């Protein structure tokens, strides 16, 4: 029986889907938390807006460029044949225009923040765009995307303080591990299609059992680094309660993944919840308890 075609989307919904805006919360919660941490509370309005604009622009540049690079693979994958570049609803030139515009917005926002942020913004942009070329070449693509997800703590501290304190590197290390865990879960959901298309990922390299064992190790190590980060900053008890809540959700998620690694959608969605828990913990620790 042939599946019913997806109903047509309006132009706004189509563009939002092209940029995967429905998944924005996966990273935005952590980014907002580090805004509060770098500023030790609410930052001034203009720097806050510029950081959010830069974050969204960087993300949009990465997603649109990834769609452009992946357009032929997407056409061969039943799960992605309905994407806009495959069906012709958007052209490859449109995707590159979105990438270029988003990159310019990122660099412009960095220029308005401070000289160091401006100087390093092209480096961050190159790292984000470079991910799209790692998938056919190396299983380290999973960890590379974790590295991309570790950029926000560094970028936000530089954007709001004009410096890079060593403690920010500790936070970046935590998010590298957390992002690699998340991307490993995500790759488990795409295992068969990645194999068919000749793409590489950590689960393909080390196998499903190895990946299922690795994810809780990455989660645990990331939480330890976040706890050390909070201890160095002298954060109050709600921060550590939030980390404990994240650990509980991560544990439940990892047990579910071990039982059924082929269906990674629920573990994928629970990363939204864990990001929100981190943001809530930081906000209460800094803005309520102090």
C-alpha atoms as a PDB file:
ATOM      1  CA  UNK A   1       0.000   0.000   0.000  1.00  0.00           C
ATOM      2  CA  UNK A   2       1.453   3.379  -1.034  1.00  0.00           C
ATOM      3  CA  UNK A   3       1.872   5.930   1.731  1.00  0.00           C
ATOM      4  CA  UNK A   4      -0.188   9.074   1.388  1.00  0.00           C
ATOM      5  CA  UNK A   5       1.881  12.075   0.289  1.00  0.00           C
ATOM      6  CA  UNK A   6       2.644  14.749   2.831  1.00  0.00           C
ATOM      7  CA  UNK A   7       0.201  17.668   2.655  1.00  0.00           C
ATOM      8  CA  UNK A   8       1.679  20.828   1.099  1.00  0.00           C
ATOM      9  CA  UNK A   9       3.171  23.329   3.519  1.00  0.00           C
ATOM     10  CA  UNK A  10       2.834  27.079   3.463  1.00  0.00           C
ATOM     11  CA  UNK A  11       5.958  29.123   2.677  1.00  0.00           C
ATOM     12  CA  UNK A  12       6.755  29.860   6.325  1.00  0.00           C
ATOM     13  CA  UNK A  13       6.308  26.236   7.395  1.00  0.00           C
ATOM     14  CA  UNK A  14       8.335  25.068   4.408  1.00  0.00           C
ATOM     15  CA  UNK A  15      11.235  27.361   5.264  1.00  0.00           C
ATOM     16  CA  UNK A  16      11.079  26.362   8.951  1.00  0.00           C
ATOM     17  CA  UNK A  17      11.227  22.699   7.945  1.00  0.00           C
ATOM     18  CA  UNK A  18      14.147  23.374   5.602  1.00  0.00           C
ATOM     19  CA  UNK A  19      16.092  24.828   8.551  1.00  0.00           C
ATOM     20  CA  UNK A  20      14.860  22.145  10.993  1.00  0.00           C
ATOM     21  CA  UNK A  21      13.588  24.850  13.332  1.00  0.00           C
ATOM     22  CA  UNK A  22      11.480  22.245  15.130  1.00  0.00           C
ATOM     23  CA  UNK A  23      14.761  20.964  16.620  1.00  0.00           C
ATOM     24  CA  UNK A  24      16.046  24.389  17.669  1.00  0.00           C
ATOM     25  CA  UNK A  25      15.459  23.591  21.340  1.00  0.00           C
ATOM     26  CA  UNK A  26      18.080  20.830  21.296  1.00  0.00           C
ATOM     27  CA  UNK A  27      20.869  23.407  21.453  1.00  0.00           C
ATOM     28  CA  UNK A  28      19.148  26.688  22.308  1.00  0.00           C
ATOM     29  CA  UNK A  29      18.504  25.714  25.935  1.00  0.00           C
ATOM     30  CA  UNK A  30      22.208  25.119  26.516  1.00  0.00           C
ATOM     31  CA  UNK A  31      23.113  28.333  24.686  1.00  0.00           C
ATOM     32  CA  UNK A  32      20.743  30.431  26.812  1.00  0.00           C
ATOM     33  CA  UNK A  33      22.047  28.770  29.958  1.00  0.00           C
ATOM     34  CA  UNK A  34      25.599  29.744  29.062  1.00  0.00           C
ATOM     35  CA  UNK A  35      24.456  33.294  28.333  1.00  0.00           C
ATOM     36  CA  UNK A  36      23.282  33.496  31.952  1.00  0.00           C
ATOM     37  CA  UNK A  37      26.448  31.815  33.205  1.00  0.00           C
ATOM     38  CA  UNK A  38      28.839  34.063  31.265  1.00  0.00           C
ATOM     39  CA  UNK A  39      26.969  37.176  32.430  1.00  0.00           C
ATOM     40  CA  UNK A  40      26.388  35.777  35.961  1.00  0.00           C
ATOM     41  CA  UNK A  41      22.749  36.735  35.517  1.00  0.00           C
ATOM     42  CA  UNK A  42      20.860  38.696  32.885  1.00  0.00           C
ATOM     43  CA  UNK A  43      23.178  40.371  30.369  1.00  0.00           C
ATOM     44  CA  UNK A  44      22.316  43.776  28.867  1.00  0.00           C
ATOM     45  CA  UNK A  45      19.571  43.520  26.252  1.00  0.00           C
ATOM     46  CA  UNK A  46      21.635  44.363  23.152  1.00  0.00           C
ATOM     47  CA  UNK A  47      24.406  41.775  23.764  1.00  0.00           C
ATOM     48  CA  UNK A  48      21.723  39.201  24.593  1.00  0.00           C
ATOM     49  CA  UNK A  49      19.911  39.834  21.310  1.00  0.00           C
ATOM     50  CA  UNK A  50      23.163  39.773  19.332  1.00  0.00           C
ATOM     51  CA  UNK A  51      24.204  36.454  20.866  1.00  0.00           C
ATOM     52  CA  UNK A  52      20.815  34.885  20.074  1.00  0.00           C
ATOM     53  CA  UNK A  53      20.921  36.252  16.517  1.00  0.00           C
ATOM     54  CA  UNK A  54      24.471  34.923  16.038  1.00  0.00           C
ATOM     55  CA  UNK A  55      23.519  31.510  17.443  1.00  0.00           C
ATOM     56  CA  UNK A  56      20.459  31.128  15.201  1.00  0.00           C
ATOM     57  CA  UNK A  57      22.361  32.431  12.159  1.00  0.00           C
ATOM     58  CA  UNK A  58      25.199  29.936  12.728  1.00  0.00           C
ATOM     59  CA  UNK A  59      22.718  27.110  13.082  1.00  0.00           C
ATOM     60  CA  UNK A  60      20.806  28.152   9.956  1.00  0.00           C
ATOM     61  CA  UNK A  61      24.026  28.387   7.946  1.00  0.00           C
ATOM     62  CA  UNK A  62      24.953  24.857   8.992  1.00  0.00           C
ATOM     63  CA  UNK A  63      21.543  23.368   8.208  1.00  0.00           C
ATOM     64  CA  UNK A  64      21.128  25.033   4.811  1.00  0.00           C
ATOM     65  CA  UNK A  65      24.665  24.097   3.746  1.00  0.00           C
ATOM     66  CA  UNK A  66      24.100  20.528   4.923  1.00  0.00           C
ATOM     67  CA  UNK A  67      20.942  20.339   2.805  1.00  0.00           C
ATOM     68  CA  UNK A  68      22.939  21.534  -0.204  1.00  0.00           C
ATOM     69  CA  UNK A  69      25.755  19.013   0.317  1.00  0.00           C
ATOM     70  CA  UNK A  70      23.318  16.156   1.025  1.00  0.00           C
ATOM     71  CA  UNK A  71      20.881  16.793  -1.837  1.00  0.00           C
ATOM     72  CA  UNK A  72      21.943  13.774  -3.923  1.00  0.00           C
ATOM     73  CA  UNK A  73      22.080  11.443  -0.915  1.00  0.00           C
ATOM     74  CA  UNK A  74      18.677  12.722   0.195  1.00  0.00           C
ATOM     75  CA  UNK A  75      17.260  11.828  -3.223  1.00  0.00           C
ATOM     76  CA  UNK A  76      18.422   8.218  -2.755  1.00  0.00           C
ATOM     77  CA  UNK A  77      17.043   7.873   0.779  1.00  0.00           C
ATOM     78  CA  UNK A  78      13.293   7.083   1.108  1.00  0.00           C
ATOM     79  CA  UNK A  79      13.180   8.966   4.434  1.00  0.00           C
ATOM     80  CA  UNK A  80      14.474  12.207   2.891  1.00  0.00           C
ATOM     81  CA  UNK A  81      13.108  12.149  -0.662  1.00  0.00           C
ATOM     82  CA  UNK A  82      10.480  14.695   0.290  1.00  0.00           C
ATOM     83  CA  UNK A  83      12.998  17.389   1.243  1.00  0.00           C
ATOM     84  CA  UNK A  84      12.719  20.679  -0.583  1.00  0.00           C
ATOM     85  CA  UNK A  85      15.970  20.479  -2.542  1.00  0.00           C
ATOM     86  CA  UNK A  86      15.095  16.991  -3.769  1.00  0.00           C
ATOM     87  CA  UNK A  87      11.567  17.837  -4.908  1.00  0.00           C
ATOM     88  CA  UNK A  88      12.588  21.149  -6.462  1.00  0.00           C
ATOM     89  CA  UNK A  89      10.573  23.335  -4.088  1.00  0.00           C
ATOM     90  CA  UNK A  90      13.889  25.041  -3.333  1.00  0.00           C
ATOM     91  CA  UNK A  91      16.891  25.249  -5.640  1.00  0.00           C
ATOM     92  CA  UNK A  92      20.523  24.519  -4.732  1.00  0.00           C
ATOM     93  CA  UNK A  93      21.261  28.206  -5.334  1.00  0.00           C
ATOM     94  CA  UNK A  94      18.600  29.120  -2.759  1.00  0.00           C
ATOM     95  CA  UNK A  95      20.269  26.870  -0.176  1.00  0.00           C
ATOM     96  CA  UNK A  96      23.644  28.484  -0.800  1.00  0.00           C
ATOM     97  CA  UNK A  97      22.061  31.946  -0.602  1.00  0.00           C
ATOM     98  CA  UNK A  98      20.609  31.076   2.826  1.00  0.00           C
ATOM     99  CA  UNK A  99      24.019  29.783   3.891  1.00  0.00           C
ATOM    100  CA  UNK A 100      25.785  32.943   2.748  1.00  0.00           C
ATOM    101  CA  UNK A 101      23.205  35.279   4.256  1.00  0.00           C
ATOM    102  CA  UNK A 102      23.206  33.425   7.570  1.00  0.00           C
ATOM    103  CA  UNK A 103      27.000  33.423   7.668  1.00  0.00           C
ATOM    104  CA  UNK A 104      27.067  37.172   7.020  1.00  0.00           C
ATOM    105  CA  UNK A 105      24.545  37.742   9.816  1.00  0.00           C
ATOM    106  CA  UNK A 106      26.710  35.683  12.197  1.00  0.00           C
ATOM    107  CA  UNK A 107      29.843  37.668  11.344  1.00  0.00           C
ATOM    108  CA  UNK A 108      27.958  40.966  11.507  1.00  0.00           C
ATOM    109  CA  UNK A 109      26.565  40.174  14.954  1.00  0.00           C
ATOM    110  CA  UNK A 110      30.046  39.170  16.122  1.00  0.00           C
ATOM    111  CA  UNK A 111      31.430  42.488  14.810  1.00  0.00           C
ATOM    112  CA  UNK A 112      28.882  44.373  16.922  1.00  0.00           C
ATOM    113  CA  UNK A 113      29.787  42.361  20.020  1.00  0.00           C
ATOM    114  CA  UNK A 114      33.566  42.780  20.288  1.00  0.00           C
ATOM    115  CA  UNK A 115      36.791  42.480  18.254  1.00  0.00           C
ATOM    116  CA  UNK A 116      37.703  38.975  19.466  1.00  0.00           C
ATOM    117  CA  UNK A 117      34.247  37.616  18.642  1.00  0.00           C
ATOM    118  CA  UNK A 118      34.519  39.164  15.164  1.00  0.00           C
ATOM    119  CA  UNK A 119      38.005  37.746  14.610  1.00  0.00           C
ATOM    120  CA  UNK A 120      36.974  34.208  15.550  1.00  0.00           C
ATOM    121  CA  UNK A 121      33.522  34.140  13.921  1.00  0.00           C
ATOM    122  CA  UNK A 122      34.808  32.885  10.526  1.00  0.00           C
ATOM    123  CA  UNK A 123      36.622  30.064  12.338  1.00  0.00           C
ATOM    124  CA  UNK A 124      33.384  29.003  14.041  1.00  0.00           C
ATOM    125  CA  UNK A 125      31.500  29.243  10.743  1.00  0.00           C
ATOM    126  CA  UNK A 126      34.088  27.113   8.936  1.00  0.00           C
ATOM    127  CA  UNK A 127      33.876  24.468  11.660  1.00  0.00           C
ATOM    128  CA  UNK A 128      30.078  24.367  11.404  1.00  0.00           C
ATOM    129  CA  UNK A 129      30.067  24.070   7.602  1.00  0.00           C
ATOM    130  CA  UNK A 130      32.887  21.530   7.609  1.00  0.00           C
ATOM    131  CA  UNK A 131      30.702  18.892   9.257  1.00  0.00           C
ATOM    132  CA  UNK A 132      28.822  18.278   6.019  1.00  0.00           C
ATOM    133  CA  UNK A 133      31.974  16.950   4.347  1.00  0.00           C
ATOM    134  CA  UNK A 134      32.914  14.503   7.104  1.00  0.00           C
ATOM    135  CA  UNK A 135      29.966  12.087   6.773  1.00  0.00           C
ATOM    136  CA  UNK A 136      31.197  10.165   3.692  1.00  0.00           C
ATOM    137  CA  UNK A 137      34.791  10.116   4.922  1.00  0.00           C
ATOM    138  CA  UNK A 138      35.151   9.247   8.595  1.00  0.00           C
ATOM    139  CA  UNK A 139      33.324   7.648  11.508  1.00  0.00           C
ATOM    140  CA  UNK A 140      34.629  10.573  13.552  1.00  0.00           C
ATOM    141  CA  UNK A 141      31.815  12.625  11.981  1.00  0.00           C
ATOM    142  CA  UNK A 142      29.725  11.771  15.075  1.00  0.00           C
ATOM    143  CA  UNK A 143      32.324  13.241  17.418  1.00  0.00           C
ATOM    144  CA  UNK A 144      32.941  16.130  15.011  1.00  0.00           C
ATOM    145  CA  UNK A 145      29.322  17.198  15.343  1.00  0.00           C
ATOM    146  CA  UNK A 146      29.753  16.918  19.101  1.00  0.00           C
ATOM    147  CA  UNK A 147      32.682  19.310  18.700  1.00  0.00           C
ATOM    148  CA  UNK A 148      30.465  21.734  16.768  1.00  0.00           C
ATOM    149  CA  UNK A 149      27.944  21.585  19.601  1.00  0.00           C
ATOM    150  CA  UNK A 150      30.763  22.466  22.014  1.00  0.00           C
ATOM    151  CA  UNK A 151      31.347  25.824  20.298  1.00  0.00           C
ATOM    152  CA  UNK A 152      28.534  27.802  22.061  1.00  0.00           C
ATOM    153  CA  UNK A 153      30.073  27.985  25.576  1.00  0.00           C
ATOM    154  CA  UNK A 154      33.339  29.300  24.133  1.00  0.00           C
ATOM    155  CA  UNK A 155      31.628  31.659  21.695  1.00  0.00           C
ATOM    156  CA  UNK A 156      29.218  33.003  24.321  1.00  0.00           C
ATOM    157  CA  UNK A 157      31.933  33.716  26.892  1.00  0.00           C
ATOM    158  CA  UNK A 158      33.950  35.524  24.221  1.00  0.00           C
ATOM    159  CA  UNK A 159      30.871  37.410  23.007  1.00  0.00           C
ATOM    160  CA  UNK A 160      29.811  38.635  26.451  1.00  0.00           C
ATOM    161  CA  UNK A 161      33.151  39.083  28.204  1.00  0.00           C
ATOM    162  CA  UNK A 162      35.668  39.576  25.394  1.00  0.00           C
ATOM    163  CA  UNK A 163      37.838  36.873  26.977  1.00  0.00           C
ATOM    164  CA  UNK A 164      38.015  33.088  27.175  1.00  0.00           C
ATOM    165  CA  UNK A 165      38.350  31.955  30.802  1.00  0.00           C
ATOM    166  CA  UNK A 166      39.684  28.396  31.262  1.00  0.00           C
ATOM    167  CA  UNK A 167      36.429  27.326  32.922  1.00  0.00           C
ATOM    168  CA  UNK A 168      34.658  27.842  29.590  1.00  0.00           C
ATOM    169  CA  UNK A 169      36.863  25.121  28.093  1.00  0.00           C
ATOM    170  CA  UNK A 170      35.612  22.760  30.793  1.00  0.00           C
ATOM    171  CA  UNK A 171      32.041  23.526  29.743  1.00  0.00           C
ATOM    172  CA  UNK A 172      32.979  23.029  26.092  1.00  0.00           C
ATOM    173  CA  UNK A 173      34.437  19.624  26.932  1.00  0.00           C
ATOM    174  CA  UNK A 174      31.193  18.684  28.653  1.00  0.00           C
ATOM    175  CA  UNK A 175      29.129  19.679  25.630  1.00  0.00           C
ATOM    176  CA  UNK A 176      31.487  17.859  23.272  1.00  0.00           C
ATOM    177  CA  UNK A 177      30.759  14.647  25.205  1.00  0.00           C
ATOM    178  CA  UNK A 178      27.057  15.438  25.498  1.00  0.00           C
ATOM    179  CA  UNK A 179      26.785  16.287  21.804  1.00  0.00           C
ATOM    180  CA  UNK A 180      28.639  13.122  20.806  1.00  0.00           C
ATOM    181  CA  UNK A 181      26.217  11.075  22.920  1.00  0.00           C
ATOM    182  CA  UNK A 182      23.258  12.779  21.276  1.00  0.00           C
ATOM    183  CA  UNK A 183      24.641  12.305  17.773  1.00  0.00           C
ATOM    184  CA  UNK A 184      25.362   8.645  18.511  1.00  0.00           C
ATOM    185  CA  UNK A 185      21.713   8.172  19.486  1.00  0.00           C
ATOM    186  CA  UNK A 186      20.628  10.021  16.357  1.00  0.00           C
ATOM    187  CA  UNK A 187      22.914   7.875  14.178  1.00  0.00           C
ATOM    188  CA  UNK A 188      21.420   4.684  15.627  1.00  0.00           C
ATOM    189  CA  UNK A 189      18.071   5.778  14.194  1.00  0.00           C
ATOM    190  CA  UNK A 190      19.614   6.206  10.730  1.00  0.00           C
ATOM    191  CA  UNK A 191      21.867   3.156  10.782  1.00  0.00           C
ATOM    192  CA  UNK A 192      20.401   1.249   7.843  1.00  0.00           C
ATOM    193  CA  UNK A 193      20.040   4.252   5.552  1.00  0.00           C
ATOM    194  CA  UNK A 194      23.585   5.432   6.377  1.00  0.00           C
ATOM    195  CA  UNK A 195      24.955   1.991   5.493  1.00  0.00           C
ATOM    196  CA  UNK A 196      23.001   1.896   2.230  1.00  0.00           C
ATOM    197  CA  UNK A 197      24.317   5.331   1.233  1.00  0.00           C
ATOM    198  CA  UNK A 198      27.913   4.609   2.219  1.00  0.00           C
ATOM    199  CA  UNK A 199      27.917   7.189   5.004  1.00  0.00           C
ATOM    200  CA  UNK A 200      30.003   6.775   8.125  1.00  0.00           C
ATOM    201  CA  UNK A 201      29.173   7.168  11.793  1.00  0.00           C
ATOM    202  CA  UNK A 202      30.296   5.918  15.179  1.00  0.00           C
ATOM    203  CA  UNK A 203      27.573   3.212  15.375  1.00  0.00           C
ATOM    204  CA  UNK A 204      28.654   1.884  11.971  1.00  0.00           C
ATOM    205  CA  UNK A 205      32.288   1.783  13.117  1.00  0.00           C
ATOM    206  CA  UNK A 206      31.887   0.249  16.590  1.00  0.00           C
ATOM    207  CA  UNK A 207      28.544  -1.511  16.132  1.00  0.00           C
ATOM    208  CA  UNK A 208      25.205  -1.181  17.880  1.00  0.00           C
ATOM    209  CA  UNK A 209      26.179  -2.911  21.165  1.00  0.00           C
ATOM    210  CA  UNK A 210      29.311  -0.770  21.474  1.00  0.00           C
ATOM    211  CA  UNK A 211      27.335   2.389  20.772  1.00  0.00           C
ATOM    212  CA  UNK A 212      24.691   1.507  23.346  1.00  0.00           C
ATOM    213  CA  UNK A 213      27.430   1.002  25.946  1.00  0.00           C
ATOM    214  CA  UNK A 214      29.208   4.217  24.959  1.00  0.00           C
ATOM    215  CA  UNK A 215      26.248   6.605  25.266  1.00  0.00           C
ATOM    216  CA  UNK A 216      25.822   6.352  29.082  1.00  0.00           C
ATOM    217  CA  UNK A 217      29.598   6.716  29.522  1.00  0.00           C
ATOM    218  CA  UNK A 218      29.497   9.940  27.487  1.00  0.00           C
ATOM    219  CA  UNK A 219      26.452  11.202  29.395  1.00  0.00           C
ATOM    220  CA  UNK A 220      28.078  10.429  32.744  1.00  0.00           C
ATOM    221  CA  UNK A 221      31.396  12.043  31.845  1.00  0.00           C
ATOM    222  CA  UNK A 222      29.632  15.151  30.537  1.00  0.00           C
ATOM    223  CA  UNK A 223      27.651  15.508  33.771  1.00  0.00           C
ATOM    224  CA  UNK A 224      30.831  15.139  35.839  1.00  0.00           C
ATOM    225  CA  UNK A 225      32.461  17.951  33.847  1.00  0.00           C
ATOM    226  CA  UNK A 226      29.368  20.138  34.232  1.00  0.00           C
ATOM    227  CA  UNK A 227      29.431  19.486  37.982  1.00  0.00           C
ATOM    228  CA  UNK A 228      33.112  20.497  38.116  1.00  0.00           C
ATOM    229  CA  UNK A 229      32.255  23.587  36.068  1.00  0.00           C
ATOM    230  CA  UNK A 230      29.560  24.560  38.579  1.00  0.00           C
ATOM    231  CA  UNK A 231      31.835  23.899  41.525  1.00  0.00           C
ATOM    232  CA  UNK A 232      34.571  26.144  40.104  1.00  0.00           C
ATOM    233  CA  UNK A 233      32.049  28.919  39.523  1.00  0.00           C
ATOM    234  CA  UNK A 234      30.612  28.476  43.015  1.00  0.00           C
ATOM    235  CA  UNK A 235      27.066  27.940  41.753  1.00  0.00           C
ATOM    236  CA  UNK A 236      24.342  27.325  44.319  1.00  0.00           C
ATOM    237  CA  UNK A 237      22.514  24.083  45.029  1.00  0.00           C
ATOM    238  CA  UNK A 238      19.730  24.324  42.378  1.00  0.00           C
ATOM    239  CA  UNK A 239      22.363  23.913  39.672  1.00  0.00           C
ATOM    240  CA  UNK A 240      23.449  20.562  41.097  1.00  0.00           C
ATOM    241  CA  UNK A 241      19.856  19.452  41.658  1.00  0.00           C
ATOM    242  CA  UNK A 242      19.290  20.149  37.964  1.00  0.00           C
ATOM    243  CA  UNK A 243      22.306  18.024  37.044  1.00  0.00           C
ATOM    244  CA  UNK A 244      20.925  15.213  39.206  1.00  0.00           C
ATOM    245  CA  UNK A 245      17.588  15.457  37.374  1.00  0.00           C
ATOM    246  CA  UNK A 246      19.431  15.330  34.050  1.00  0.00           C
ATOM    247  CA  UNK A 247      21.267  12.225  35.250  1.00  0.00           C
ATOM    248  CA  UNK A 248      17.968  10.510  36.087  1.00  0.00           C
ATOM    249  CA  UNK A 249      16.472  11.315  32.688  1.00  0.00           C
ATOM    250  CA  UNK A 250      19.699  10.270  30.956  1.00  0.00           C
ATOM    251  CA  UNK A 251      19.708   6.972  32.858  1.00  0.00           C
ATOM    252  CA  UNK A 252      16.110   6.204  31.909  1.00  0.00           C
ATOM    253  CA  UNK A 253      16.866   7.158  28.316  1.00  0.00           C
ATOM    254  CA  UNK A 254      19.973   5.002  28.141  1.00  0.00           C
ATOM    255  CA  UNK A 255      18.141   1.976  29.547  1.00  0.00           C
ATOM    256  CA  UNK A 256      15.417   2.420  26.931  1.00  0.00           C
ATOM    257  CA  UNK A 257      18.018   2.731  24.204  1.00  0.00           C
ATOM    258  CA  UNK A 258      19.673  -0.495  25.340  1.00  0.00           C
ATOM    259  CA  UNK A 259      16.343  -2.324  25.121  1.00  0.00           C
ATOM    260  CA  UNK A 260      15.532  -1.036  21.641  1.00  0.00           C
ATOM    261  CA  UNK A 261      18.436   0.727  19.919  1.00  0.00           C
ATOM    262  CA  UNK A 262      16.760   0.682  16.511  1.00  0.00           C
ATOM    263  CA  UNK A 263      14.027   3.086  17.665  1.00  0.00           C
ATOM    264  CA  UNK A 264      15.903   6.145  18.814  1.00  0.00           C
ATOM    265  CA  UNK A 265      13.099   8.710  18.492  1.00  0.00           C
ATOM    266  CA  UNK A 266      12.191   8.796  22.200  1.00  0.00           C
ATOM    267  CA  UNK A 267      15.858   9.072  23.320  1.00  0.00           C
ATOM    268  CA  UNK A 268      16.245  11.824  20.697  1.00  0.00           C
ATOM    269  CA  UNK A 269      13.275  13.742  22.139  1.00  0.00           C
ATOM    270  CA  UNK A 270      14.457  13.353  25.732  1.00  0.00           C
ATOM    271  CA  UNK A 271      17.522  15.419  24.905  1.00  0.00           C
ATOM    272  CA  UNK A 272      15.128  18.366  24.595  1.00  0.00           C
ATOM    273  CA  UNK A 273      14.016  17.737  28.177  1.00  0.00           C
ATOM    274  CA  UNK A 274      17.577  17.440  29.464  1.00  0.00           C
ATOM    275  CA  UNK A 275      18.522  20.743  27.834  1.00  0.00           C
ATOM    276  CA  UNK A 276      15.519  22.433  29.448  1.00  0.00           C
ATOM    277  CA  UNK A 277      16.478  20.973  32.834  1.00  0.00           C
ATOM    278  CA  UNK A 278      19.943  22.474  32.480  1.00  0.00           C
ATOM    279  CA  UNK A 279      18.545  25.884  31.559  1.00  0.00           C
ATOM    280  CA  UNK A 280      16.074  25.789  34.456  1.00  0.00           C
ATOM    281  CA  UNK A 281      18.810  24.776  36.909  1.00  0.00           C
ATOM    282  CA  UNK A 282      21.081  27.616  35.798  1.00  0.00           C
ATOM    283  CA  UNK A 283      18.258  30.167  35.848  1.00  0.00           C
ATOM    284  CA  UNK A 284      17.124  29.250  39.363  1.00  0.00           C
ATOM    285  CA  UNK A 285      20.688  29.103  40.680  1.00  0.00           C
ATOM    286  CA  UNK A 286      21.615  32.542  39.291  1.00  0.00           C
ATOM    287  CA  UNK A 287      18.359  34.488  39.197  1.00  0.00           C
ATOM    288  CA  UNK A 288      16.392  33.153  42.157  1.00  0.00           C
ATOM    289  CA  UNK A 289      18.753  31.723  44.778  1.00  0.00           C
ATOM    290  CA  UNK A 290      21.894  33.627  43.795  1.00  0.00           C
END
